[in-house]
Amino acid sequence: MRRICRFCEQAGYPAEGEAIRVREWPLKFVVAYDALAREAVKTAEESNVTDIPLSVVRPLPLALLALRVGRQRDWERVRASLEAGAVPADEIECVAYRYNLGAQWTRFLKYRDRSRNSTGH
């Protein structure tokens, strides 16, 4: 990952927190270090951002990667994906169990329910 960051910086694309700014877009890179990350990269959609070709990880694997990390900000990303309708909860649940993320999914659901109850939703 350091080589990617160095390359981007030398090409004029500065680091910005967890992202690299390419023109007006903050981009995050995914390291394919296990089966879930490899699937995320393998199933990514090809896109073009201001004439720069790149692969964009689809919402389901992105939600699963966030679920696995399990920090509050990652759970907020999962929740936002669900609320936006980017990926259905039953699909996340099904694939989560395939990648041994069932416990993380259960913890996320408890977090989501607590958040809903505290905000009155």
PDB file of N, CA and C in Angstrom:
ATOM      1  N   MET A   1       0.813  -1.177   0.000  1.00  0.00           N
ATOM      2  CA  MET A   1       0.000   0.000   0.000  1.00  0.00           C
ATOM      3  C   MET A   1       0.872   1.262   0.000  1.00  0.00           C
ATOM      4  N   ARG A   2       1.999   1.178   0.686  1.00  0.00           N
ATOM      5  CA  ARG A   2       2.899   2.344   0.712  1.00  0.00           C
ATOM      6  C   ARG A   2       3.395   2.706  -0.685  1.00  0.00           C
ATOM      7  N   ARG A   3       3.643   1.666  -1.506  1.00  0.00           N
ATOM      8  CA  ARG A   3       4.101   1.935  -2.875  1.00  0.00           C
ATOM      9  C   ARG A   3       3.021   2.661  -3.665  1.00  0.00           C
ATOM     10  N   ILE A   4       1.776   2.271  -3.473  1.00  0.00           N
ATOM     11  CA  ILE A   4       0.673   2.942  -4.170  1.00  0.00           C
ATOM     12  C   ILE A   4       0.593   4.393  -3.726  1.00  0.00           C
ATOM     13  N   CYS A   5       0.685   4.619  -2.422  1.00  0.00           N
ATOM     14  CA  CYS A   5       0.616   5.987  -1.897  1.00  0.00           C
ATOM     15  C   CYS A   5       1.771   6.843  -2.404  1.00  0.00           C
ATOM     16  N   ARG A   6       2.975   6.270  -2.418  1.00  0.00           N
ATOM     17  CA  ARG A   6       4.141   7.009  -2.934  1.00  0.00           C
ATOM     18  C   ARG A   6       3.953   7.346  -4.401  1.00  0.00           C
ATOM     19  N   PHE A   7       3.504   6.364  -5.188  1.00  0.00           N
ATOM     20  CA  PHE A   7       3.277   6.585  -6.612  1.00  0.00           C
ATOM     21  C   PHE A   7       2.264   7.707  -6.820  1.00  0.00           C
ATOM     22  N   CYS A   8       1.165   7.659  -6.096  1.00  0.00           N
ATOM     23  CA  CYS A   8       0.113   8.669  -6.240  1.00  0.00           C
ATOM     24  C   CYS A   8       0.634  10.052  -5.873  1.00  0.00           C
ATOM     25  N   GLU A   9       1.382  10.122  -4.789  1.00  0.00           N
ATOM     26  CA  GLU A   9       1.923  11.408  -4.370  1.00  0.00           C
ATOM     27  C   GLU A   9       2.886  11.966  -5.418  1.00  0.00           C
ATOM     28  N   GLN A  10       3.756  11.115  -5.965  1.00  0.00           N
ATOM     29  CA  GLN A  10       4.686  11.555  -6.999  1.00  0.00           C
ATOM     30  C   GLN A  10       3.951  11.989  -8.269  1.00  0.00           C
ATOM     31  N   ALA A  11       2.779  11.402  -8.519  1.00  0.00           N
ATOM     32  CA  ALA A  11       1.984  11.754  -9.690  1.00  0.00           C
ATOM     33  C   ALA A  11       1.127  12.996  -9.435  1.00  0.00           C
ATOM     34  N   GLY A  12       1.231  13.550  -8.224  1.00  0.00           N
ATOM     35  CA  GLY A  12       0.479  14.762  -7.919  1.00  0.00           C
ATOM     36  C   GLY A  12      -0.879  14.526  -7.279  1.00  0.00           C
ATOM     37  N   TYR A  13      -1.108  13.309  -6.774  1.00  0.00           N
ATOM     38  CA  TYR A  13      -2.368  12.988  -6.114  1.00  0.00           C
ATOM     39  C   TYR A  13      -2.095  12.820  -4.619  1.00  0.00           C
ATOM     40  N   PRO A  14      -2.374  13.841  -3.817  1.00  0.00           N
ATOM     41  CA  PRO A  14      -2.006  13.821  -2.398  1.00  0.00           C
ATOM     42  C   PRO A  14      -2.895  12.927  -1.543  1.00  0.00           C
ATOM     43  N   ALA A  15      -2.315  12.438  -0.450  1.00  0.00           N
ATOM     44  CA  ALA A  15      -3.082  11.687   0.538  1.00  0.00           C
ATOM     45  C   ALA A  15      -3.960  12.669   1.298  1.00  0.00           C
ATOM     46  N   GLU A  16      -5.159  12.195   1.627  1.00  0.00           N
ATOM     47  CA  GLU A  16      -6.118  13.007   2.373  1.00  0.00           C
ATOM     48  C   GLU A  16      -6.804  12.101   3.385  1.00  0.00           C
ATOM     49  N   GLY A  17      -6.252  11.996   4.566  1.00  0.00           N
ATOM     50  CA  GLY A  17      -6.784  11.050   5.545  1.00  0.00           C
ATOM     51  C   GLY A  17      -6.572   9.634   5.048  1.00  0.00           C
ATOM     52  N   GLU A  18      -7.669   8.862   4.927  1.00  0.00           N
ATOM     53  CA  GLU A  18      -7.590   7.484   4.450  1.00  0.00           C
ATOM     54  C   GLU A  18      -7.682   7.393   2.931  1.00  0.00           C
ATOM     55  N   ALA A  19      -7.797   8.518   2.262  1.00  0.00           N
ATOM     56  CA  ALA A  19      -8.026   8.523   0.813  1.00  0.00           C
ATOM     57  C   ALA A  19      -6.883   9.197   0.074  1.00  0.00           C
ATOM     58  N   ILE A  20      -6.899   9.031  -1.234  1.00  0.00           N
ATOM     59  CA  ILE A  20      -5.985   9.739  -2.142  1.00  0.00           C
ATOM     60  C   ILE A  20      -6.873  10.631  -3.007  1.00  0.00           C
ATOM     61  N   ARG A  21      -6.545  11.903  -3.084  1.00  0.00           N
ATOM     62  CA  ARG A  21      -7.353  12.812  -3.894  1.00  0.00           C
ATOM     63  C   ARG A  21      -6.867  12.760  -5.333  1.00  0.00           C
ATOM     64  N   VAL A  22      -7.763  12.317  -6.232  1.00  0.00           N
ATOM     65  CA  VAL A  22      -7.506  12.306  -7.665  1.00  0.00           C
ATOM     66  C   VAL A  22      -8.474  13.309  -8.264  1.00  0.00           C
ATOM     67  N   ARG A  23      -7.914  14.438  -8.654  1.00  0.00           N
ATOM     68  CA  ARG A  23      -8.718  15.586  -9.071  1.00  0.00           C
ATOM     69  C   ARG A  23      -9.682  15.924  -7.953  1.00  0.00           C
ATOM     70  N   GLU A  24     -10.981  15.946  -8.207  1.00  0.00           N
ATOM     71  CA  GLU A  24     -11.912  16.318  -7.122  1.00  0.00           C
ATOM     72  C   GLU A  24     -12.441  15.128  -6.332  1.00  0.00           C
ATOM     73  N   TRP A  25     -11.951  13.931  -6.601  1.00  0.00           N
ATOM     74  CA  TRP A  25     -12.482  12.723  -5.979  1.00  0.00           C
ATOM     75  C   TRP A  25     -11.537  12.147  -4.929  1.00  0.00           C
ATOM     76  N   PRO A  26     -12.011  11.945  -3.685  1.00  0.00           N
ATOM     77  CA  PRO A  26     -11.213  11.211  -2.705  1.00  0.00           C
ATOM     78  C   PRO A  26     -11.416   9.709  -2.937  1.00  0.00           C
ATOM     79  N   LEU A  27     -10.355   8.981  -3.209  1.00  0.00           N
ATOM     80  CA  LEU A  27     -10.439   7.547  -3.511  1.00  0.00           C
ATOM     81  C   LEU A  27      -9.755   6.730  -2.422  1.00  0.00           C
ATOM     82  N   LYS A  28     -10.339   5.568  -2.120  1.00  0.00           N
ATOM     83  CA  LYS A  28      -9.711   4.629  -1.199  1.00  0.00           C
ATOM     84  C   LYS A  28      -9.289   3.412  -1.998  1.00  0.00           C
ATOM     85  N   PHE A  29      -8.151   2.857  -1.638  1.00  0.00           N
ATOM     86  CA  PHE A  29      -7.643   1.666  -2.298  1.00  0.00           C
ATOM     87  C   PHE A  29      -7.908   0.456  -1.420  1.00  0.00           C
ATOM     88  N   VAL A  30      -8.253  -0.665  -2.035  1.00  0.00           N
ATOM     89  CA  VAL A  30      -8.521  -1.906  -1.309  1.00  0.00           C
ATOM     90  C   VAL A  30      -7.381  -2.869  -1.586  1.00  0.00           C
ATOM     91  N   VAL A  31      -6.756  -3.346  -0.510  1.00  0.00           N
ATOM     92  CA  VAL A  31      -5.713  -4.353  -0.627  1.00  0.00           C
ATOM     93  C   VAL A  31      -6.400  -5.713  -0.568  1.00  0.00           C
ATOM     94  N   ALA A  32      -6.173  -6.537  -1.571  1.00  0.00           N
ATOM     95  CA  ALA A  32      -6.829  -7.854  -1.653  1.00  0.00           C
ATOM     96  C   ALA A  32      -6.026  -8.881  -0.865  1.00  0.00           C
ATOM     97  N   TYR A  33      -6.171  -8.855   0.457  1.00  0.00           N
ATOM     98  CA  TYR A  33      -5.367  -9.702   1.330  1.00  0.00           C
ATOM     99  C   TYR A  33      -6.068 -10.976   1.773  1.00  0.00           C
ATOM    100  N   ASP A  34      -7.360 -11.134   1.454  1.00  0.00           N
ATOM    101  CA  ASP A  34      -8.059 -12.363   1.802  1.00  0.00           C
ATOM    102  C   ASP A  34      -9.192 -12.594   0.797  1.00  0.00           C
ATOM    103  N   ALA A  35      -9.959 -13.653   1.001  1.00  0.00           N
ATOM    104  CA  ALA A  35     -10.989 -14.028   0.029  1.00  0.00           C
ATOM    105  C   ALA A  35     -12.039 -12.937  -0.162  1.00  0.00           C
ATOM    106  N   LEU A  36     -12.466 -12.293   0.907  1.00  0.00           N
ATOM    107  CA  LEU A  36     -13.473 -11.238   0.790  1.00  0.00           C
ATOM    108  C   LEU A  36     -12.930 -10.045   0.010  1.00  0.00           C
ATOM    109  N   ALA A  37     -11.741  -9.612   0.347  1.00  0.00           N
ATOM    110  CA  ALA A  37     -11.148  -8.473  -0.363  1.00  0.00           C
ATOM    111  C   ALA A  37     -10.877  -8.825  -1.826  1.00  0.00           C
ATOM    112  N   ARG A  38     -10.445 -10.068  -2.089  1.00  0.00           N
ATOM    113  CA  ARG A  38     -10.225 -10.485  -3.481  1.00  0.00           C
ATOM    114  C   ARG A  38     -11.527 -10.474  -4.266  1.00  0.00           C
ATOM    115  N   GLU A  39     -12.631 -10.936  -3.637  1.00  0.00           N
ATOM    116  CA  GLU A  39     -13.919 -10.899  -4.321  1.00  0.00           C
ATOM    117  C   GLU A  39     -14.346  -9.456  -4.580  1.00  0.00           C
ATOM    118  N   ALA A  40     -14.097  -8.579  -3.614  1.00  0.00           N
ATOM    119  CA  ALA A  40     -14.444  -7.167  -3.780  1.00  0.00           C
ATOM    120  C   ALA A  40     -13.739  -6.579  -4.998  1.00  0.00           C
ATOM    121  N   VAL A  41     -12.462  -6.885  -5.136  1.00  0.00           N
ATOM    122  CA  VAL A  41     -11.689  -6.369  -6.276  1.00  0.00           C
ATOM    123  C   VAL A  41     -12.125  -7.054  -7.569  1.00  0.00           C
ATOM    124  N   LYS A  42     -12.321  -8.355  -7.512  1.00  0.00           N
ATOM    125  CA  LYS A  42     -12.692  -9.132  -8.701  1.00  0.00           C
ATOM    126  C   LYS A  42     -14.044  -8.692  -9.274  1.00  0.00           C
ATOM    127  N   THR A  43     -14.993  -8.351  -8.409  1.00  0.00           N
ATOM    128  CA  THR A  43     -16.335  -7.988  -8.866  1.00  0.00           C
ATOM    129  C   THR A  43     -16.531  -6.481  -8.994  1.00  0.00           C
ATOM    130  N   ALA A  44     -15.461  -5.718  -8.845  1.00  0.00           N
ATOM    131  CA  ALA A  44     -15.562  -4.257  -8.955  1.00  0.00           C
ATOM    132  C   ALA A  44     -16.046  -3.857 -10.352  1.00  0.00           C
ATOM    133  N   GLU A  45     -16.758  -2.745 -10.390  1.00  0.00           N
ATOM    134  CA  GLU A  45     -17.257  -2.213 -11.663  1.00  0.00           C
ATOM    135  C   GLU A  45     -16.214  -1.280 -12.253  1.00  0.00           C
ATOM    136  N   GLU A  46     -16.029  -1.403 -13.548  1.00  0.00           N
ATOM    137  CA  GLU A  46     -15.119  -0.492 -14.231  1.00  0.00           C
ATOM    138  C   GLU A  46     -15.826   0.849 -14.406  1.00  0.00           C
ATOM    139  N   SER A  47     -15.108   1.911 -14.125  1.00  0.00           N
ATOM    140  CA  SER A  47     -15.689   3.241 -14.220  1.00  0.00           C
ATOM    141  C   SER A  47     -14.654   4.192 -14.800  1.00  0.00           C
ATOM    142  N   ASN A  48     -15.076   5.399 -15.021  1.00  0.00           N
ATOM    143  CA  ASN A  48     -14.193   6.418 -15.559  1.00  0.00           C
ATOM    144  C   ASN A  48     -14.515   7.719 -14.844  1.00  0.00           C
ATOM    145  N   VAL A  49     -13.560   8.233 -14.095  1.00  0.00           N
ATOM    146  CA  VAL A  49     -13.752   9.477 -13.368  1.00  0.00           C
ATOM    147  C   VAL A  49     -12.884  10.537 -14.015  1.00  0.00           C
ATOM    148  N   THR A  50     -13.532  11.490 -14.623  1.00  0.00           N
ATOM    149  CA  THR A  50     -12.842  12.571 -15.336  1.00  0.00           C
ATOM    150  C   THR A  50     -11.664  12.038 -16.151  1.00  0.00           C
ATOM    151  N   ASP A  51     -11.958  11.082 -17.004  1.00  0.00           N
ATOM    152  CA  ASP A  51     -11.001  10.471 -17.921  1.00  0.00           C
ATOM    153  C   ASP A  51      -9.923   9.617 -17.257  1.00  0.00           C
ATOM    154  N   ILE A  52     -10.126   9.245 -16.009  1.00  0.00           N
ATOM    155  CA  ILE A  52      -9.201   8.350 -15.320  1.00  0.00           C
ATOM    156  C   ILE A  52      -9.944   7.036 -15.094  1.00  0.00           C
ATOM    157  N   PRO A  53      -9.517   5.949 -15.779  1.00  0.00           N
ATOM    158  CA  PRO A  53     -10.199   4.669 -15.586  1.00  0.00           C
ATOM    159  C   PRO A  53      -9.860   4.078 -14.216  1.00  0.00           C
ATOM    160  N   LEU A  54     -10.877   3.530 -13.562  1.00  0.00           N
ATOM    161  CA  LEU A  54     -10.640   2.869 -12.283  1.00  0.00           C
ATOM    162  C   LEU A  54     -11.738   1.866 -12.000  1.00  0.00           C
ATOM    163  N   SER A  55     -11.466   0.996 -11.059  1.00  0.00           N
ATOM    164  CA  SER A  55     -12.436  -0.007 -10.639  1.00  0.00           C
ATOM    165  C   SER A  55     -13.073   0.461  -9.344  1.00  0.00           C
ATOM    166  N   VAL A  56     -14.385   0.324  -9.259  1.00  0.00           N
ATOM    167  CA  VAL A  56     -15.133   0.771  -8.092  1.00  0.00           C
ATOM    168  C   VAL A  56     -15.755  -0.454  -7.426  1.00  0.00           C
ATOM    169  N   VAL A  57     -15.435  -0.657  -6.156  1.00  0.00           N
ATOM    170  CA  VAL A  57     -15.968  -1.800  -5.417  1.00  0.00           C
ATOM    171  C   VAL A  57     -17.483  -1.627  -5.280  1.00  0.00           C
ATOM    172  N   ARG A  58     -18.199  -2.710  -5.543  1.00  0.00           N
ATOM    173  CA  ARG A  58     -19.661  -2.697  -5.486  1.00  0.00           C
ATOM    174  C   ARG A  58     -20.130  -2.559  -4.029  1.00  0.00           C
ATOM    175  N   PRO A  59     -21.369  -2.119  -3.822  1.00  0.00           N
ATOM    176  CA  PRO A  59     -21.855  -1.858  -2.466  1.00  0.00           C
ATOM    177  C   PRO A  59     -21.826  -3.062  -1.518  1.00  0.00           C
ATOM    178  N   LEU A  60     -22.173  -4.264  -1.993  1.00  0.00           N
ATOM    179  CA  LEU A  60     -22.203  -5.418  -1.090  1.00  0.00           C
ATOM    180  C   LEU A  60     -20.830  -5.739  -0.517  1.00  0.00           C
ATOM    181  N   PRO A  61     -19.797  -5.951  -1.344  1.00  0.00           N
ATOM    182  CA  PRO A  61     -18.492  -6.242  -0.738  1.00  0.00           C
ATOM    183  C   PRO A  61     -17.962  -5.082   0.098  1.00  0.00           C
ATOM    184  N   LEU A  62     -18.275  -3.861  -0.292  1.00  0.00           N
ATOM    185  CA  LEU A  62     -17.841  -2.700   0.485  1.00  0.00           C
ATOM    186  C   LEU A  62     -18.488  -2.719   1.874  1.00  0.00           C
ATOM    187  N   ALA A  63     -19.778  -3.042   1.926  1.00  0.00           N
ATOM    188  CA  ALA A  63     -20.474  -3.145   3.215  1.00  0.00           C
ATOM    189  C   ALA A  63     -19.877  -4.274   4.058  1.00  0.00           C
ATOM    190  N   LEU A  64     -19.557  -5.395   3.427  1.00  0.00           N
ATOM    191  CA  LEU A  64     -18.978  -6.521   4.161  1.00  0.00           C
ATOM    192  C   LEU A  64     -17.592  -6.186   4.708  1.00  0.00           C
ATOM    193  N   LEU A  65     -16.790  -5.482   3.917  1.00  0.00           N
ATOM    194  CA  LEU A  65     -15.471  -5.070   4.398  1.00  0.00           C
ATOM    195  C   LEU A  65     -15.615  -4.145   5.601  1.00  0.00           C
ATOM    196  N   ALA A  66     -16.563  -3.217   5.534  1.00  0.00           N
ATOM    197  CA  ALA A  66     -16.803  -2.302   6.661  1.00  0.00           C
ATOM    198  C   ALA A  66     -17.321  -3.072   7.867  1.00  0.00           C
ATOM    199  N   LEU A  67     -18.210  -4.022   7.633  1.00  0.00           N
ATOM    200  CA  LEU A  67     -18.761  -4.841   8.706  1.00  0.00           C
ATOM    201  C   LEU A  67     -17.650  -5.598   9.430  1.00  0.00           C
ATOM    202  N   ARG A  68     -16.720  -6.121   8.668  1.00  0.00           N
ATOM    203  CA  ARG A  68     -15.625  -6.888   9.252  1.00  0.00           C
ATOM    204  C   ARG A  68     -14.751  -6.019  10.147  1.00  0.00           C
ATOM    205  N   VAL A  69     -14.470  -4.794   9.721  1.00  0.00           N
ATOM    206  CA  VAL A  69     -13.623  -3.917  10.533  1.00  0.00           C
ATOM    207  C   VAL A  69     -14.336  -3.577  11.842  1.00  0.00           C
ATOM    208  N   GLY A  70     -15.623  -3.246  11.752  1.00  0.00           N
ATOM    209  CA  GLY A  70     -16.458  -3.132  12.931  1.00  0.00           C
ATOM    210  C   GLY A  70     -16.322  -1.900  13.794  1.00  0.00           C
ATOM    211  N   ARG A  71     -15.670  -0.857  13.304  1.00  0.00           N
ATOM    212  CA  ARG A  71     -15.641   0.386  14.077  1.00  0.00           C
ATOM    213  C   ARG A  71     -16.981   1.110  13.887  1.00  0.00           C
ATOM    214  N   GLN A  72     -17.276   2.037  14.751  1.00  0.00           N
ATOM    215  CA  GLN A  72     -18.540   2.768  14.638  1.00  0.00           C
ATOM    216  C   GLN A  72     -18.672   3.435  13.280  1.00  0.00           C
ATOM    217  N   ARG A  73     -17.610   4.059  12.801  1.00  0.00           N
ATOM    218  CA  ARG A  73     -17.708   4.733  11.499  1.00  0.00           C
ATOM    219  C   ARG A  73     -17.923   3.729  10.369  1.00  0.00           C
ATOM    220  N   ASP A  74     -17.421   2.509  10.513  1.00  0.00           N
ATOM    221  CA  ASP A  74     -17.662   1.477   9.510  1.00  0.00           C
ATOM    222  C   ASP A  74     -19.117   1.024   9.559  1.00  0.00           C
ATOM    223  N   TRP A  75     -19.648   0.870  10.773  1.00  0.00           N
ATOM    224  CA  TRP A  75     -21.059   0.495  10.904  1.00  0.00           C
ATOM    225  C   TRP A  75     -21.957   1.590  10.341  1.00  0.00           C
ATOM    226  N   GLU A  76     -21.534   2.830  10.493  1.00  0.00           N
ATOM    227  CA  GLU A  76     -22.316   3.927   9.908  1.00  0.00           C
ATOM    228  C   GLU A  76     -22.330   3.823   8.383  1.00  0.00           C
ATOM    229  N   ARG A  77     -21.239   3.369   7.803  1.00  0.00           N
ATOM    230  CA  ARG A  77     -21.197   3.156   6.351  1.00  0.00           C
ATOM    231  C   ARG A  77     -22.153   2.040   5.939  1.00  0.00           C
ATOM    232  N   VAL A  78     -22.174   0.967   6.729  1.00  0.00           N
ATOM    233  CA  VAL A  78     -23.098  -0.130   6.441  1.00  0.00           C
ATOM    234  C   VAL A  78     -24.531   0.375   6.555  1.00  0.00           C
ATOM    235  N   ARG A  79     -24.812   1.092   7.619  1.00  0.00           N
ATOM    236  CA  ARG A  79     -26.165   1.625   7.820  1.00  0.00           C
ATOM    237  C   ARG A  79     -26.566   2.560   6.682  1.00  0.00           C
ATOM    238  N   ALA A  80     -25.660   3.410   6.256  1.00  0.00           N
ATOM    239  CA  ALA A  80     -25.953   4.320   5.152  1.00  0.00           C
ATOM    240  C   ALA A  80     -26.239   3.552   3.871  1.00  0.00           C
ATOM    241  N   SER A  81     -25.499   2.479   3.618  1.00  0.00           N
ATOM    242  CA  SER A  81     -25.737   1.649   2.429  1.00  0.00           C
ATOM    243  C   SER A  81     -27.123   1.015   2.482  1.00  0.00           C
ATOM    244  N   LEU A  82     -27.509   0.552   3.657  1.00  0.00           N
ATOM    245  CA  LEU A  82     -28.837  -0.047   3.824  1.00  0.00           C
ATOM    246  C   LEU A  82     -29.926   1.001   3.626  1.00  0.00           C
ATOM    247  N   GLU A  83     -29.762   2.147   4.276  1.00  0.00           N
ATOM    248  CA  GLU A  83     -30.784   3.195   4.186  1.00  0.00           C
ATOM    249  C   GLU A  83     -30.915   3.760   2.784  1.00  0.00           C
ATOM    250  N   ALA A  84     -29.814   3.776   2.039  1.00  0.00           N
ATOM    251  CA  ALA A  84     -29.851   4.276   0.658  1.00  0.00           C
ATOM    252  C   ALA A  84     -30.413   3.238  -0.307  1.00  0.00           C
ATOM    253  N   GLY A  85     -30.595   2.026   0.179  1.00  0.00           N
ATOM    254  CA  GLY A  85     -31.089   0.959  -0.688  1.00  0.00           C
ATOM    255  C   GLY A  85     -30.027   0.420  -1.629  1.00  0.00           C
ATOM    256  N   ALA A  86     -28.765   0.688  -1.316  1.00  0.00           N
ATOM    257  CA  ALA A  86     -27.666   0.229  -2.172  1.00  0.00           C
ATOM    258  C   ALA A  86     -27.508  -1.283  -2.108  1.00  0.00           C
ATOM    259  N   VAL A  87     -27.883  -1.865  -0.970  1.00  0.00           N
ATOM    260  CA  VAL A  87     -27.787  -3.314  -0.791  1.00  0.00           C
ATOM    261  C   VAL A  87     -28.810  -3.729   0.270  1.00  0.00           C
ATOM    262  N   PRO A  88     -29.571  -4.784   0.010  1.00  0.00           N
ATOM    263  CA  PRO A  88     -30.569  -5.226   0.987  1.00  0.00           C
ATOM    264  C   PRO A  88     -29.937  -5.949   2.177  1.00  0.00           C
ATOM    265  N   ALA A  89     -30.563  -5.800   3.339  1.00  0.00           N
ATOM    266  CA  ALA A  89     -30.054  -6.411   4.565  1.00  0.00           C
ATOM    267  C   ALA A  89     -29.953  -7.926   4.443  1.00  0.00           C
ATOM    268  N   ASP A  90     -30.942  -8.567   3.816  1.00  0.00           N
ATOM    269  CA  ASP A  90     -30.892 -10.028   3.719  1.00  0.00           C
ATOM    270  C   ASP A  90     -29.729 -10.498   2.855  1.00  0.00           C
ATOM    271  N   GLU A  91     -29.340  -9.693   1.881  1.00  0.00           N
ATOM    272  CA  GLU A  91     -28.184 -10.047   1.048  1.00  0.00           C
ATOM    273  C   GLU A  91     -26.884  -9.918   1.847  1.00  0.00           C
ATOM    274  N   ILE A  92     -26.758  -8.839   2.630  1.00  0.00           N
ATOM    275  CA  ILE A  92     -25.578  -8.685   3.484  1.00  0.00           C
ATOM    276  C   ILE A  92     -25.500  -9.858   4.459  1.00  0.00           C
ATOM    277  N   GLU A  93     -26.632 -10.176   5.081  1.00  0.00           N
ATOM    278  CA  GLU A  93     -26.649 -11.257   6.067  1.00  0.00           C
ATOM    279  C   GLU A  93     -26.218 -12.587   5.451  1.00  0.00           C
ATOM    280  N   CYS A  94     -26.762 -12.906   4.296  1.00  0.00           N
ATOM    281  CA  CYS A  94     -26.451 -14.179   3.628  1.00  0.00           C
ATOM    282  C   CYS A  94     -24.958 -14.289   3.323  1.00  0.00           C
ATOM    283  N   VAL A  95     -24.413 -13.260   2.728  1.00  0.00           N
ATOM    284  CA  VAL A  95     -23.000 -13.302   2.341  1.00  0.00           C
ATOM    285  C   VAL A  95     -22.094 -13.160   3.566  1.00  0.00           C
ATOM    286  N   ALA A  96     -22.551 -12.432   4.583  1.00  0.00           N
ATOM    287  CA  ALA A  96     -21.762 -12.292   5.815  1.00  0.00           C
ATOM    288  C   ALA A  96     -21.481 -13.658   6.427  1.00  0.00           C
ATOM    289  N   TYR A  97     -22.484 -14.513   6.450  1.00  0.00           N
ATOM    290  CA  TYR A  97     -22.277 -15.850   7.021  1.00  0.00           C
ATOM    291  C   TYR A  97     -21.327 -16.678   6.165  1.00  0.00           C
ATOM    292  N   ARG A  98     -21.362 -16.476   4.869  1.00  0.00           N
ATOM    293  CA  ARG A  98     -20.443 -17.211   3.987  1.00  0.00           C
ATOM    294  C   ARG A  98     -18.987 -16.858   4.286  1.00  0.00           C
ATOM    295  N   TYR A  99     -18.748 -15.606   4.721  1.00  0.00           N
ATOM    296  CA  TYR A  99     -17.385 -15.160   5.036  1.00  0.00           C
ATOM    297  C   TYR A  99     -17.125 -15.151   6.548  1.00  0.00           C
ATOM    298  N   ASN A 100     -17.902 -15.946   7.297  1.00  0.00           N
ATOM    299  CA  ASN A 100     -17.736 -16.051   8.749  1.00  0.00           C
ATOM    300  C   ASN A 100     -17.843 -14.701   9.457  1.00  0.00           C
ATOM    301  N   LEU A 101     -18.765 -13.872   8.984  1.00  0.00           N
ATOM    302  CA  LEU A 101     -18.990 -12.564   9.590  1.00  0.00           C
ATOM    303  C   LEU A 101     -20.347 -12.501  10.288  1.00  0.00           C
ATOM    304  N   GLY A 102     -20.891 -13.673  10.619  1.00  0.00           N
ATOM    305  CA  GLY A 102     -22.197 -13.716  11.272  1.00  0.00           C
ATOM    306  C   GLY A 102     -22.214 -12.976  12.600  1.00  0.00           C
ATOM    307  N   ALA A 103     -21.173 -13.144  13.394  1.00  0.00           N
ATOM    308  CA  ALA A 103     -21.107 -12.465  14.694  1.00  0.00           C
ATOM    309  C   ALA A 103     -21.032 -10.949  14.505  1.00  0.00           C
ATOM    310  N   GLN A 104     -20.266 -10.506  13.510  1.00  0.00           N
ATOM    311  CA  GLN A 104     -20.166  -9.072  13.238  1.00  0.00           C
ATOM    312  C   GLN A 104     -21.515  -8.516  12.774  1.00  0.00           C
ATOM    313  N   TRP A 105     -22.239  -9.284  11.956  1.00  0.00           N
ATOM    314  CA  TRP A 105     -23.557  -8.865  11.491  1.00  0.00           C
ATOM    315  C   TRP A 105     -24.506  -8.709  12.685  1.00  0.00           C
ATOM    316  N   THR A 106     -24.483  -9.666  13.603  1.00  0.00           N
ATOM    317  CA  THR A 106     -25.337  -9.599  14.788  1.00  0.00           C
ATOM    318  C   THR A 106     -24.994  -8.376  15.634  1.00  0.00           C
ATOM    319  N   ARG A 107     -23.685  -8.107  15.824  1.00  0.00           N
ATOM    320  CA  ARG A 107     -23.271  -6.916  16.580  1.00  0.00           C
ATOM    321  C   ARG A 107     -23.725  -5.643  15.880  1.00  0.00           C
ATOM    322  N   PHE A 108     -23.610  -5.628  14.552  1.00  0.00           N
ATOM    323  CA  PHE A 108     -24.064  -4.454  13.806  1.00  0.00           C
ATOM    324  C   PHE A 108     -25.564  -4.227  14.004  1.00  0.00           C
ATOM    325  N   LEU A 109     -26.363  -5.291  13.919  1.00  0.00           N
ATOM    326  CA  LEU A 109     -27.813  -5.157  14.079  1.00  0.00           C
ATOM    327  C   LEU A 109     -28.157  -4.596  15.465  1.00  0.00           C
ATOM    328  N   LYS A 110     -27.453  -5.059  16.490  1.00  0.00           N
ATOM    329  CA  LYS A 110     -27.679  -4.530  17.842  1.00  0.00           C
ATOM    330  C   LYS A 110     -27.313  -3.046  17.900  1.00  0.00           C
ATOM    331  N   TYR A 111     -26.195  -2.694  17.284  1.00  0.00           N
ATOM    332  CA  TYR A 111     -25.772  -1.291  17.235  1.00  0.00           C
ATOM    333  C   TYR A 111     -26.830  -0.462  16.511  1.00  0.00           C
ATOM    334  N   ARG A 112     -27.296  -0.946  15.365  1.00  0.00           N
ATOM    335  CA  ARG A 112     -28.296  -0.216  14.578  1.00  0.00           C
ATOM    336  C   ARG A 112     -29.578  -0.036  15.384  1.00  0.00           C
ATOM    337  N   ASP A 113     -30.001  -1.096  16.074  1.00  0.00           N
ATOM    338  CA  ASP A 113     -31.228  -1.011  16.873  1.00  0.00           C
ATOM    339  C   ASP A 113     -31.075  -0.023  18.024  1.00  0.00           C
ATOM    340  N   ARG A 114     -29.919  -0.044  18.685  1.00  0.00           N
ATOM    341  CA  ARG A 114     -29.670   0.921  19.774  1.00  0.00           C
ATOM    342  C   ARG A 114     -29.683   2.343  19.233  1.00  0.00           C
ATOM    343  N   SER A 115     -29.074   2.535  18.059  1.00  0.00           N
ATOM    344  CA  SER A 115     -29.028   3.868  17.456  1.00  0.00           C
ATOM    345  C   SER A 115     -30.423   4.352  17.112  1.00  0.00           C
ATOM    346  N   ARG A 116     -31.247   3.472  16.575  1.00  0.00           N
ATOM    347  CA  ARG A 116     -32.626   3.830  16.232  1.00  0.00           C
ATOM    348  C   ARG A 116     -33.411   4.207  17.480  1.00  0.00           C
ATOM    349  N   ASN A 117     -33.241   3.403  18.530  1.00  0.00           N
ATOM    350  CA  ASN A 117     -33.975   3.667  19.772  1.00  0.00           C
ATOM    351  C   ASN A 117     -33.557   4.973  20.421  1.00  0.00           C
ATOM    352  N   SER A 118     -32.273   5.307  20.326  1.00  0.00           N
ATOM    353  CA  SER A 118     -31.788   6.546  20.962  1.00  0.00           C
ATOM    354  C   SER A 118     -32.195   7.783  20.180  1.00  0.00           C
ATOM    355  N   THR A 119     -32.476   7.632  18.882  1.00  0.00           N
ATOM    356  CA  THR A 119     -32.889   8.794  18.077  1.00  0.00           C
ATOM    357  C   THR A 119     -34.392   8.833  17.855  1.00  0.00           C
ATOM    358  N   GLY A 120     -35.089   7.817  18.357  1.00  0.00           N
ATOM    359  CA  GLY A 120     -36.539   7.786  18.231  1.00  0.00           C
ATOM    360  C   GLY A 120     -37.052   7.360  16.869  1.00  0.00           C
ATOM    361  N   HIS A 121     -36.210   6.702  16.053  1.00  0.00           N
ATOM    362  CA  HIS A 121     -36.648   6.245  14.721  1.00  0.00           C
ATOM    363  C   HIS A 121     -37.165   4.841  14.776  1.00  0.00           C
TER     364      HIS A 121
END
